[in-house]
PDB file of all heavy atoms in Angstrom:
ATOM      1  N   GLY A   1       6.286 -10.933  20.472  1.00  0.00           N
ATOM      2  CA  GLY A   1       5.033 -11.281  19.816  1.00  0.00           C
ATOM      3  C   GLY A   1       3.897 -11.414  20.789  1.00  0.00           C
ATOM      4  O   GLY A   1       2.765 -11.013  20.516  1.00  0.00           O
ATOM      5  N   ILE A   2       4.186 -12.005  21.976  1.00  0.00           N
ATOM      6  CA  ILE A   2       3.139 -12.193  22.980  1.00  0.00           C
ATOM      7  C   ILE A   2       2.733 -10.867  23.599  1.00  0.00           C
ATOM      8  O   ILE A   2       1.555 -10.587  23.816  1.00  0.00           O
ATOM      9  CB  ILE A   2       3.626 -13.183  24.063  1.00  0.00           C
ATOM     10  CG1 ILE A   2       3.808 -14.572  23.444  1.00  0.00           C
ATOM     11  CG2 ILE A   2       2.638 -13.248  25.223  1.00  0.00           C
ATOM     12  CD1 ILE A   2       4.518 -15.557  24.345  1.00  0.00           C
ATOM     13  N   THR A   3       3.692 -10.035  23.899  1.00  0.00           N
ATOM     14  CA  THR A   3       3.405  -8.774  24.592  1.00  0.00           C
ATOM     15  C   THR A   3       2.974  -7.664  23.655  1.00  0.00           C
ATOM     16  O   THR A   3       2.525  -6.619  24.090  1.00  0.00           O
ATOM     17  CB  THR A   3       4.642  -8.292  25.367  1.00  0.00           C
ATOM     18  OG1 THR A   3       5.719  -8.072  24.419  1.00  0.00           O
ATOM     19  CG2 THR A   3       5.079  -9.326  26.387  1.00  0.00           C
ATOM     20  N   GLY A   4       3.140  -7.880  22.338  1.00  0.00           N
ATOM     21  CA  GLY A   4       2.713  -6.856  21.397  1.00  0.00           C
ATOM     22  C   GLY A   4       3.739  -5.790  21.138  1.00  0.00           C
ATOM     23  O   GLY A   4       3.402  -4.721  20.651  1.00  0.00           O
ATOM     24  N   GLU A   5       5.005  -6.031  21.482  1.00  0.00           N
ATOM     25  CA  GLU A   5       6.053  -5.056  21.247  1.00  0.00           C
ATOM     26  C   GLU A   5       6.740  -5.351  19.913  1.00  0.00           C
ATOM     27  O   GLU A   5       7.094  -6.482  19.632  1.00  0.00           O
ATOM     28  CB  GLU A   5       7.084  -5.101  22.380  1.00  0.00           C
ATOM     29  CG  GLU A   5       6.501  -4.769  23.739  1.00  0.00           C
ATOM     30  CD  GLU A   5       7.544  -4.934  24.840  1.00  0.00           C
ATOM     31  OE1 GLU A   5       8.717  -5.182  24.513  1.00  0.00           O
ATOM     32  OE2 GLU A   5       7.165  -4.827  26.013  1.00  0.00           O
ATOM     33  N   ILE A   6       6.930  -4.314  19.102  1.00  0.00           N
ATOM     34  CA  ILE A   6       7.632  -4.467  17.827  1.00  0.00           C
ATOM     35  C   ILE A   6       8.779  -3.475  17.810  1.00  0.00           C
ATOM     36  O   ILE A   6       8.552  -2.262  17.833  1.00  0.00           O
ATOM     37  CB  ILE A   6       6.699  -4.216  16.627  1.00  0.00           C
ATOM     38  CG1 ILE A   6       5.542  -5.220  16.640  1.00  0.00           C
ATOM     39  CG2 ILE A   6       7.470  -4.318  15.318  1.00  0.00           C
ATOM     40  CD1 ILE A   6       4.559  -5.036  15.521  1.00  0.00           C
ATOM     41  N   PRO A   7      10.013  -3.969  17.785  1.00  0.00           N
ATOM     42  CA  PRO A   7      11.155  -3.052  17.782  1.00  0.00           C
ATOM     43  C   PRO A   7      11.171  -2.194  16.531  1.00  0.00           C
ATOM     44  O   PRO A   7      10.638  -2.570  15.481  1.00  0.00           O
ATOM     45  CB  PRO A   7      12.368  -3.995  17.827  1.00  0.00           C
ATOM     46  CG  PRO A   7      11.824  -5.306  18.300  1.00  0.00           C
ATOM     47  CD  PRO A   7      10.422  -5.372  17.794  1.00  0.00           C
ATOM     48  N   LYS A   8      11.790  -1.039  16.650  1.00  0.00           N
ATOM     49  CA  LYS A   8      11.968  -0.164  15.502  1.00  0.00           C
ATOM     50  C   LYS A   8      12.725  -0.907  14.409  1.00  0.00           C
ATOM     51  O   LYS A   8      13.584  -1.740  14.670  1.00  0.00           O
ATOM     52  CB  LYS A   8      12.750   1.097  15.905  1.00  0.00           C
ATOM     53  CG  LYS A   8      12.019   1.993  16.879  1.00  0.00           C
ATOM     54  CD  LYS A   8      10.862   2.711  16.217  1.00  0.00           C
ATOM     55  CE  LYS A   8      11.327   3.770  15.239  1.00  0.00           C
ATOM     56  NZ  LYS A   8      12.029   4.870  15.891  1.00  0.00           N
ATOM     57  N   LYS A   9      12.393  -0.615  13.183  1.00  0.00           N
ATOM     58  CA  LYS A   9      13.024  -1.158  11.981  1.00  0.00           C
ATOM     59  C   LYS A   9      12.690  -2.623  11.742  1.00  0.00           C
ATOM     60  O   LYS A   9      13.263  -3.244  10.849  1.00  0.00           O
ATOM     61  CB  LYS A   9      14.547  -0.975  12.018  1.00  0.00           C
ATOM     62  CG  LYS A   9      14.998   0.482  12.055  1.00  0.00           C
ATOM     63  CD  LYS A   9      16.500   0.602  11.989  1.00  0.00           C
ATOM     64  CE  LYS A   9      16.924   2.070  12.002  1.00  0.00           C
ATOM     65  NZ  LYS A   9      18.393   2.228  11.928  1.00  0.00           N
ATOM     66  N   GLN A  10      11.756  -3.202  12.538  1.00  0.00           N
ATOM     67  CA  GLN A  10      11.353  -4.573  12.297  1.00  0.00           C
ATOM     68  C   GLN A  10       9.948  -4.680  11.724  1.00  0.00           C
ATOM     69  O   GLN A  10       9.497  -5.758  11.385  1.00  0.00           O
ATOM     70  CB  GLN A  10      11.460  -5.400  13.581  1.00  0.00           C
ATOM     71  CG  GLN A  10      12.897  -5.711  13.984  1.00  0.00           C
ATOM     72  CD  GLN A  10      12.989  -6.762  15.059  1.00  0.00           C
ATOM     73  OE1 GLN A  10      12.035  -7.503  15.299  1.00  0.00           O
ATOM     74  NE2 GLN A  10      14.123  -6.840  15.720  1.00  0.00           N
ATOM     75  N   LEU A  11       9.242  -3.583  11.633  1.00  0.00           N
ATOM     76  CA  LEU A  11       7.929  -3.594  10.999  1.00  0.00           C
ATOM     77  C   LEU A  11       8.105  -3.706   9.496  1.00  0.00           C
ATOM     78  O   LEU A  11       8.957  -3.051   8.905  1.00  0.00           O
ATOM     79  CB  LEU A  11       7.165  -2.316  11.338  1.00  0.00           C
ATOM     80  CG  LEU A  11       5.726  -2.240  10.819  1.00  0.00           C
ATOM     81  CD1 LEU A  11       4.845  -3.217  11.571  1.00  0.00           C
ATOM     82  CD2 LEU A  11       5.186  -0.825  10.971  1.00  0.00           C
ATOM     83  N   THR A  12       7.316  -4.570   8.852  1.00  0.00           N
ATOM     84  CA  THR A  12       7.419  -4.786   7.412  1.00  0.00           C
ATOM     85  C   THR A  12       6.073  -4.555   6.732  1.00  0.00           C
ATOM     86  O   THR A  12       5.021  -4.534   7.389  1.00  0.00           O
ATOM     87  CB  THR A  12       7.883  -6.221   7.106  1.00  0.00           C
ATOM     88  OG1 THR A  12       6.853  -7.151   7.513  1.00  0.00           O
ATOM     89  CG2 THR A  12       9.180  -6.552   7.836  1.00  0.00           C
ATOM     90  N   VAL A  13       6.120  -4.398   5.420  1.00  0.00           N
ATOM     91  CA  VAL A  13       4.885  -4.267   4.645  1.00  0.00           C
ATOM     92  C   VAL A  13       4.052  -5.536   4.777  1.00  0.00           C
ATOM     93  O   VAL A  13       2.818  -5.486   4.797  1.00  0.00           O
ATOM     94  CB  VAL A  13       5.212  -3.975   3.172  1.00  0.00           C
ATOM     95  CG1 VAL A  13       3.947  -3.988   2.324  1.00  0.00           C
ATOM     96  CG2 VAL A  13       5.914  -2.628   3.041  1.00  0.00           C
ATOM     97  N   GLU A  14       4.714  -6.689   4.887  1.00  0.00           N
ATOM     98  CA  GLU A  14       3.992  -7.951   5.055  1.00  0.00           C
ATOM     99  C   GLU A  14       3.156  -7.945   6.329  1.00  0.00           C
ATOM    100  O   GLU A  14       2.091  -8.556   6.380  1.00  0.00           O
ATOM    101  CB  GLU A  14       4.979  -9.124   5.069  1.00  0.00           C
ATOM    102  CG  GLU A  14       5.599  -9.466   3.724  1.00  0.00           C
ATOM    103  CD  GLU A  14       6.606  -8.426   3.250  1.00  0.00           C
ATOM    104  OE1 GLU A  14       7.157  -7.690   4.115  1.00  0.00           O
ATOM    105  OE2 GLU A  14       6.836  -8.332   2.032  1.00  0.00           O
ATOM    106  N   ASP A  15       3.637  -7.241   7.360  1.00  0.00           N
ATOM    107  CA  ASP A  15       2.853  -7.131   8.595  1.00  0.00           C
ATOM    108  C   ASP A  15       1.516  -6.448   8.327  1.00  0.00           C
ATOM    109  O   ASP A  15       0.478  -6.840   8.873  1.00  0.00           O
ATOM    110  CB  ASP A  15       3.628  -6.337   9.651  1.00  0.00           C
ATOM    111  CG  ASP A  15       4.771  -7.131  10.254  1.00  0.00           C
ATOM    112  OD1 ASP A  15       4.616  -8.346  10.441  1.00  0.00           O
ATOM    113  OD2 ASP A  15       5.827  -6.530  10.523  1.00  0.00           O
ATOM    114  N   LEU A  16       1.540  -5.420   7.484  1.00  0.00           N
ATOM    115  CA  LEU A  16       0.282  -4.746   7.144  1.00  0.00           C
ATOM    116  C   LEU A  16      -0.632  -5.678   6.373  1.00  0.00           C
ATOM    117  O   LEU A  16      -1.844  -5.721   6.599  1.00  0.00           O
ATOM    118  CB  LEU A  16       0.572  -3.494   6.308  1.00  0.00           C
ATOM    119  CG  LEU A  16       1.370  -2.365   6.979  1.00  0.00           C
ATOM    120  CD1 LEU A  16       1.556  -1.215   6.002  1.00  0.00           C
ATOM    121  CD2 LEU A  16       0.688  -1.881   8.244  1.00  0.00           C
ATOM    122  N   CYS A  17      -0.052  -6.431   5.423  1.00  0.00           N
ATOM    123  CA  CYS A  17      -0.862  -7.313   4.590  1.00  0.00           C
ATOM    124  C   CYS A  17      -1.507  -8.428   5.402  1.00  0.00           C
ATOM    125  O   CYS A  17      -2.576  -8.928   5.043  1.00  0.00           O
ATOM    126  CB  CYS A  17      -0.007  -7.905   3.479  1.00  0.00           C
ATOM    127  SG  CYS A  17       0.627  -6.698   2.294  1.00  0.00           S
ATOM    128  N   ARG A  18      -0.869  -8.827   6.498  1.00  0.00           N
ATOM    129  CA  ARG A  18      -1.370  -9.953   7.282  1.00  0.00           C
ATOM    130  C   ARG A  18      -2.468  -9.548   8.253  1.00  0.00           C
ATOM    131  O   ARG A  18      -3.034 -10.397   8.951  1.00  0.00           O
ATOM    132  CB  ARG A  18      -0.221 -10.594   8.058  1.00  0.00           C
ATOM    133  CG  ARG A  18       0.832 -11.245   7.169  1.00  0.00           C
ATOM    134  CD  ARG A  18       1.920 -11.894   7.992  1.00  0.00           C
ATOM    135  NE  ARG A  18       1.386 -12.973   8.809  1.00  0.00           N
ATOM    136  CZ  ARG A  18       2.015 -13.479   9.873  1.00  0.00           C
ATOM    137  NH1 ARG A  18       3.162 -12.962  10.258  1.00  0.00           N
ATOM    138  NH2 ARG A  18       1.484 -14.468  10.550  1.00  0.00           N
ATOM    139  N   MET A  19      -2.811  -8.285   8.293  1.00  0.00           N
ATOM    140  CA  MET A  19      -3.813  -7.839   9.252  1.00  0.00           C
ATOM    141  C   MET A  19      -5.180  -8.444   9.005  1.00  0.00           C
ATOM    142  O   MET A  19      -6.028  -8.485   9.901  1.00  0.00           O
ATOM    143  CB  MET A  19      -3.901  -6.308   9.255  1.00  0.00           C
ATOM    144  CG  MET A  19      -2.704  -5.644   9.923  1.00  0.00           C
ATOM    145  SD  MET A  19      -2.687  -3.841   9.761  1.00  0.00           S
ATOM    146  CE  MET A  19      -4.194  -3.408  10.620  1.00  0.00           C
ATOM    147  N   SER A  20      -5.439  -8.933   7.785  1.00  0.00           N
ATOM    148  CA  SER A  20      -6.737  -9.514   7.483  1.00  0.00           C
ATOM    149  C   SER A  20      -6.691 -11.039   7.411  1.00  0.00           C
ATOM    150  O   SER A  20      -7.716 -11.680   7.189  1.00  0.00           O
ATOM    151  CB  SER A  20      -7.244  -8.980   6.138  1.00  0.00           C
ATOM    152  OG  SER A  20      -6.395  -9.420   5.079  1.00  0.00           O
ATOM    153  N   GLU A  21      -5.507 -11.642   7.610  1.00  0.00           N
ATOM    154  CA  GLU A  21      -5.392 -13.093   7.529  1.00  0.00           C
ATOM    155  C   GLU A  21      -5.906 -13.750   8.808  1.00  0.00           C
ATOM    156  O   GLU A  21      -5.769 -13.208   9.903  1.00  0.00           O
ATOM    157  CB  GLU A  21      -3.927 -13.503   7.317  1.00  0.00           C
ATOM    158  CG  GLU A  21      -3.362 -13.070   5.981  1.00  0.00           C
ATOM    159  CD  GLU A  21      -1.909 -13.489   5.834  1.00  0.00           C
ATOM    160  OE1 GLU A  21      -1.391 -14.168   6.755  1.00  0.00           O
ATOM    161  OE2 GLU A  21      -1.304 -13.149   4.806  1.00  0.00           O
ATOM    162  N   PRO A  22      -6.496 -14.953   8.673  1.00  0.00           N
ATOM    163  CA  PRO A  22      -6.863 -15.683   9.901  1.00  0.00           C
ATOM    164  C   PRO A  22      -5.601 -16.160  10.615  1.00  0.00           C
ATOM    165  O   PRO A  22      -4.789 -16.884  10.054  1.00  0.00           O
ATOM    166  CB  PRO A  22      -7.700 -16.855   9.366  1.00  0.00           C
ATOM    167  CG  PRO A  22      -7.257 -17.035   7.945  1.00  0.00           C
ATOM    168  CD  PRO A  22      -6.888 -15.664   7.456  1.00  0.00           C
ATOM    169  N   ILE A  23      -5.416 -15.723  11.831  1.00  0.00           N
ATOM    170  CA  ILE A  23      -4.220 -16.052  12.594  1.00  0.00           C
ATOM    171  C   ILE A  23      -4.606 -16.988  13.739  1.00  0.00           C
ATOM    172  O   ILE A  23      -5.511 -16.683  14.520  1.00  0.00           O
ATOM    173  CB  ILE A  23      -3.556 -14.785  13.162  1.00  0.00           C
ATOM    174  CG1 ILE A  23      -3.208 -13.823  12.018  1.00  0.00           C
ATOM    175  CG2 ILE A  23      -2.311 -15.137  13.960  1.00  0.00           C
ATOM    176  CD1 ILE A  23      -2.189 -14.364  11.036  1.00  0.00           C
ATOM    177  N   LYS A  24      -3.921 -18.139  13.845  1.00  0.00           N
ATOM    178  CA  LYS A  24      -4.252 -19.122  14.874  1.00  0.00           C
ATOM    179  C   LYS A  24      -3.235 -19.147  16.006  1.00  0.00           C
ATOM    180  O   LYS A  24      -3.570 -19.418  17.139  1.00  0.00           O
ATOM    181  CB  LYS A  24      -4.357 -20.515  14.241  1.00  0.00           C
ATOM    182  CG  LYS A  24      -5.477 -20.636  13.214  1.00  0.00           C
ATOM    183  CD  LYS A  24      -5.536 -22.030  12.619  1.00  0.00           C
ATOM    184  CE  LYS A  24      -6.646 -22.133  11.577  1.00  0.00           C
ATOM    185  NZ  LYS A  24      -6.709 -23.484  10.962  1.00  0.00           N
ATOM    186  N   ARG A  25      -1.959 -18.890  15.683  1.00  0.00           N
ATOM    187  CA  ARG A  25      -0.936 -18.957  16.709  1.00  0.00           C
ATOM    188  C   ARG A  25      -0.905 -17.648  17.495  1.00  0.00           C
ATOM    189  O   ARG A  25      -0.959 -16.563  16.924  1.00  0.00           O
ATOM    190  CB  ARG A  25       0.424 -19.239  16.080  1.00  0.00           C
ATOM    191  CG  ARG A  25       0.484 -20.548  15.349  1.00  0.00           C
ATOM    192  CD  ARG A  25       1.783 -20.730  14.582  1.00  0.00           C
ATOM    193  NE  ARG A  25       2.915 -20.866  15.496  1.00  0.00           N
ATOM    194  CZ  ARG A  25       3.928 -20.039  15.524  1.00  0.00           C
ATOM    195  NH1 ARG A  25       3.960 -18.994  14.706  1.00  0.00           N
ATOM    196  NH2 ARG A  25       4.931 -20.222  16.370  1.00  0.00           N
ATOM    197  N   LEU A  26      -0.810 -17.765  18.814  1.00  0.00           N
ATOM    198  CA  LEU A  26      -0.894 -16.589  19.677  1.00  0.00           C
ATOM    199  C   LEU A  26       0.230 -15.602  19.392  1.00  0.00           C
ATOM    200  O   LEU A  26       0.024 -14.394  19.408  1.00  0.00           O
ATOM    201  CB  LEU A  26      -0.864 -17.027  21.147  1.00  0.00           C
ATOM    202  CG  LEU A  26      -0.958 -15.900  22.193  1.00  0.00           C
ATOM    203  CD1 LEU A  26      -2.251 -15.125  22.019  1.00  0.00           C
ATOM    204  CD2 LEU A  26      -0.858 -16.462  23.600  1.00  0.00           C
ATOM    205  N   VAL A  27       1.438 -16.116  19.131  1.00  0.00           N
ATOM    206  CA  VAL A  27       2.563 -15.223  18.870  1.00  0.00           C
ATOM    207  C   VAL A  27       2.286 -14.385  17.635  1.00  0.00           C
ATOM    208  O   VAL A  27       2.495 -13.174  17.605  1.00  0.00           O
ATOM    209  CB  VAL A  27       3.872 -16.031  18.705  1.00  0.00           C
ATOM    210  CG1 VAL A  27       4.998 -15.132  18.210  1.00  0.00           C
ATOM    211  CG2 VAL A  27       4.258 -16.681  20.031  1.00  0.00           C
ATOM    212  N   GLU A  28       1.799 -15.025  16.556  1.00  0.00           N
ATOM    213  CA  GLU A  28       1.500 -14.290  15.329  1.00  0.00           C
ATOM    214  C   GLU A  28       0.348 -13.329  15.549  1.00  0.00           C
ATOM    215  O   GLU A  28       0.367 -12.190  15.075  1.00  0.00           O
ATOM    216  CB  GLU A  28       1.165 -15.281  14.207  1.00  0.00           C
ATOM    217  CG  GLU A  28       2.343 -16.163  13.801  1.00  0.00           C
ATOM    218  CD  GLU A  28       1.961 -17.185  12.757  1.00  0.00           C
ATOM    219  OE1 GLU A  28       0.747 -17.316  12.481  1.00  0.00           O
ATOM    220  OE2 GLU A  28       2.856 -17.853  12.227  1.00  0.00           O
ATOM    221  N   ALA A  29      -0.682 -13.792  16.266  1.00  0.00           N
ATOM    222  CA  ALA A  29      -1.837 -12.920  16.520  1.00  0.00           C
ATOM    223  C   ALA A  29      -1.425 -11.705  17.328  1.00  0.00           C
ATOM    224  O   ALA A  29      -1.897 -10.595  17.101  1.00  0.00           O
ATOM    225  CB  ALA A  29      -2.930 -13.704  17.238  1.00  0.00           C
ATOM    226  N   GLY A  30      -0.521 -11.920  18.293  1.00  0.00           N
ATOM    227  CA  GLY A  30      -0.053 -10.792  19.091  1.00  0.00           C
ATOM    228  C   GLY A  30       0.644  -9.754  18.253  1.00  0.00           C
ATOM    229  O   GLY A  30       0.480  -8.546  18.468  1.00  0.00           O
ATOM    230  N   ARG A  31       1.413 -10.187  17.259  1.00  0.00           N
ATOM    231  CA  ARG A  31       2.100  -9.232  16.392  1.00  0.00           C
ATOM    232  C   ARG A  31       1.105  -8.468  15.535  1.00  0.00           C
ATOM    233  O   ARG A  31       1.234  -7.259  15.342  1.00  0.00           O
ATOM    234  CB  ARG A  31       3.111  -9.954  15.514  1.00  0.00           C
ATOM    235  CG  ARG A  31       3.973  -8.999  14.678  1.00  0.00           C
ATOM    236  CD  ARG A  31       5.028  -9.751  13.888  1.00  0.00           C
ATOM    237  NE  ARG A  31       5.844  -8.837  13.094  1.00  0.00           N
ATOM    238  CZ  ARG A  31       6.948  -8.249  13.529  1.00  0.00           C
ATOM    239  NH1 ARG A  31       7.363  -8.484  14.767  1.00  0.00           N
ATOM    240  NH2 ARG A  31       7.638  -7.439  12.750  1.00  0.00           N
ATOM    241  N   VAL A  32       0.094  -9.161  15.017  1.00  0.00           N
ATOM    242  CA  VAL A  32      -0.920  -8.495  14.198  1.00  0.00           C
ATOM    243  C   VAL A  32      -1.650  -7.433  15.013  1.00  0.00           C
ATOM    244  O   VAL A  32      -1.892  -6.317  14.539  1.00  0.00           O
ATOM    245  CB  VAL A  32      -1.911  -9.527  13.624  1.00  0.00           C
ATOM    246  CG1 VAL A  32      -3.105  -8.829  12.984  1.00  0.00           C
ATOM    247  CG2 VAL A  32      -1.224 -10.427  12.608  1.00  0.00           C
ATOM    248  N   VAL A  33      -2.010  -7.767  16.244  1.00  0.00           N
ATOM    249  CA  VAL A  33      -2.682  -6.800  17.118  1.00  0.00           C
ATOM    250  C   VAL A  33      -1.775  -5.605  17.386  1.00  0.00           C
ATOM    251  O   VAL A  33      -2.209  -4.447  17.386  1.00  0.00           O
ATOM    252  CB  VAL A  33      -3.106  -7.468  18.441  1.00  0.00           C
ATOM    253  CG1 VAL A  33      -3.585  -6.432  19.444  1.00  0.00           C
ATOM    254  CG2 VAL A  33      -4.193  -8.494  18.186  1.00  0.00           C
ATOM    255  N   ALA A  34      -0.491  -5.881  17.577  1.00  0.00           N
ATOM    256  CA  ALA A  34       0.464  -4.795  17.835  1.00  0.00           C
ATOM    257  C   ALA A  34       0.580  -3.872  16.627  1.00  0.00           C
ATOM    258  O   ALA A  34       0.635  -2.644  16.777  1.00  0.00           O
ATOM    259  CB  ALA A  34       1.828  -5.383  18.182  1.00  0.00           C
ATOM    260  N   VAL A  35       0.606  -4.455  15.421  1.00  0.00           N
ATOM    261  CA  VAL A  35       0.681  -3.639  14.206  1.00  0.00           C
ATOM    262  C   VAL A  35      -0.566  -2.770  14.086  1.00  0.00           C
ATOM    263  O   VAL A  35      -0.484  -1.578  13.768  1.00  0.00           O
ATOM    264  CB  VAL A  35       0.844  -4.538  12.959  1.00  0.00           C
ATOM    265  CG1 VAL A  35       0.735  -3.706  11.685  1.00  0.00           C
ATOM    266  CG2 VAL A  35       2.178  -5.267  12.995  1.00  0.00           C
ATOM    267  N   LYS A  36      -1.720  -3.359  14.354  1.00  0.00           N
ATOM    268  CA  LYS A  36      -2.968  -2.598  14.278  1.00  0.00           C
ATOM    269  C   LYS A  36      -2.949  -1.430  15.249  1.00  0.00           C
ATOM    270  O   LYS A  36      -3.367  -0.312  14.909  1.00  0.00           O
ATOM    271  CB  LYS A  36      -4.151  -3.518  14.572  1.00  0.00           C
ATOM    272  CG  LYS A  36      -5.503  -2.828  14.464  1.00  0.00           C
ATOM    273  CD  LYS A  36      -6.639  -3.805  14.712  1.00  0.00           C
ATOM    274  CE  LYS A  36      -7.985  -3.103  14.622  1.00  0.00           C
ATOM    275  NZ  LYS A  36      -9.116  -4.038  14.890  1.00  0.00           N
ATOM    276  N   ARG A  37      -2.435  -1.656  16.447  1.00  0.00           N
ATOM    277  CA  ARG A  37      -2.373  -0.580  17.433  1.00  0.00           C
ATOM    278  C   ARG A  37      -1.430   0.531  16.989  1.00  0.00           C
ATOM    279  O   ARG A  37      -1.693   1.719  17.202  1.00  0.00           O
ATOM    280  CB  ARG A  37      -1.931  -1.145  18.782  1.00  0.00           C
ATOM    281  CG  ARG A  37      -2.999  -1.984  19.473  1.00  0.00           C
ATOM    282  CD  ARG A  37      -2.458  -2.632  20.734  1.00  0.00           C
ATOM    283  NE  ARG A  37      -3.491  -3.396  21.427  1.00  0.00           N
ATOM    284  CZ  ARG A  37      -3.248  -4.228  22.439  1.00  0.00           C
ATOM    285  NH1 ARG A  37      -1.996  -4.384  22.859  1.00  0.00           N
ATOM    286  NH2 ARG A  37      -4.238  -4.881  23.012  1.00  0.00           N
ATOM    287  N   LEU A  38      -0.320   0.144  16.364  1.00  0.00           N
ATOM    288  CA  LEU A  38       0.613   1.151  15.861  1.00  0.00           C
ATOM    289  C   LEU A  38      -0.041   2.016  14.792  1.00  0.00           C
ATOM    290  O   LEU A  38       0.110   3.242  14.784  1.00  0.00           O
ATOM    291  CB  LEU A  38       1.860   0.470  15.287  1.00  0.00           C
ATOM    292  CG  LEU A  38       2.850  -0.124  16.287  1.00  0.00           C
ATOM    293  CD1 LEU A  38       3.933  -0.897  15.559  1.00  0.00           C
ATOM    294  CD2 LEU A  38       3.469   0.962  17.152  1.00  0.00           C
ATOM    295  N   VAL A  39      -0.769   1.378  13.874  1.00  0.00           N
ATOM    296  CA  VAL A  39      -1.436   2.134  12.813  1.00  0.00           C
ATOM    297  C   VAL A  39      -2.486   3.056  13.402  1.00  0.00           C
ATOM    298  O   VAL A  39      -2.583   4.235  13.041  1.00  0.00           O
ATOM    299  CB  VAL A  39      -2.066   1.173  11.779  1.00  0.00           C
ATOM    300  CG1 VAL A  39      -2.894   1.950  10.757  1.00  0.00           C
ATOM    301  CG2 VAL A  39      -0.982   0.369  11.057  1.00  0.00           C
ATOM    302  N   GLU A  40      -3.289   2.536  14.313  1.00  0.00           N
ATOM    303  CA  GLU A  40      -4.347   3.344  14.920  1.00  0.00           C
ATOM    304  C   GLU A  40      -3.778   4.524  15.706  1.00  0.00           C
ATOM    305  O   GLU A  40      -4.430   5.567  15.818  1.00  0.00           O
ATOM    306  CB  GLU A  40      -5.207   2.464  15.835  1.00  0.00           C
ATOM    307  CG  GLU A  40      -6.062   1.453  15.079  1.00  0.00           C
ATOM    308  CD  GLU A  40      -6.810   0.522  16.001  1.00  0.00           C
ATOM    309  OE1 GLU A  40      -6.367   0.319  17.148  1.00  0.00           O
ATOM    310  OE2 GLU A  40      -7.857  -0.020  15.576  1.00  0.00           O
TER     311      GLU A  40
END
């Protein structure tokens, strides 16, 4: 979560939905940033 790495088969639809949520915890924010980078 901190480094922005998401293993294969662990990405979920919920990860996409959370891209617009306010994220306060660094671990969660790191995952959201990683998902955004994957999509881009």
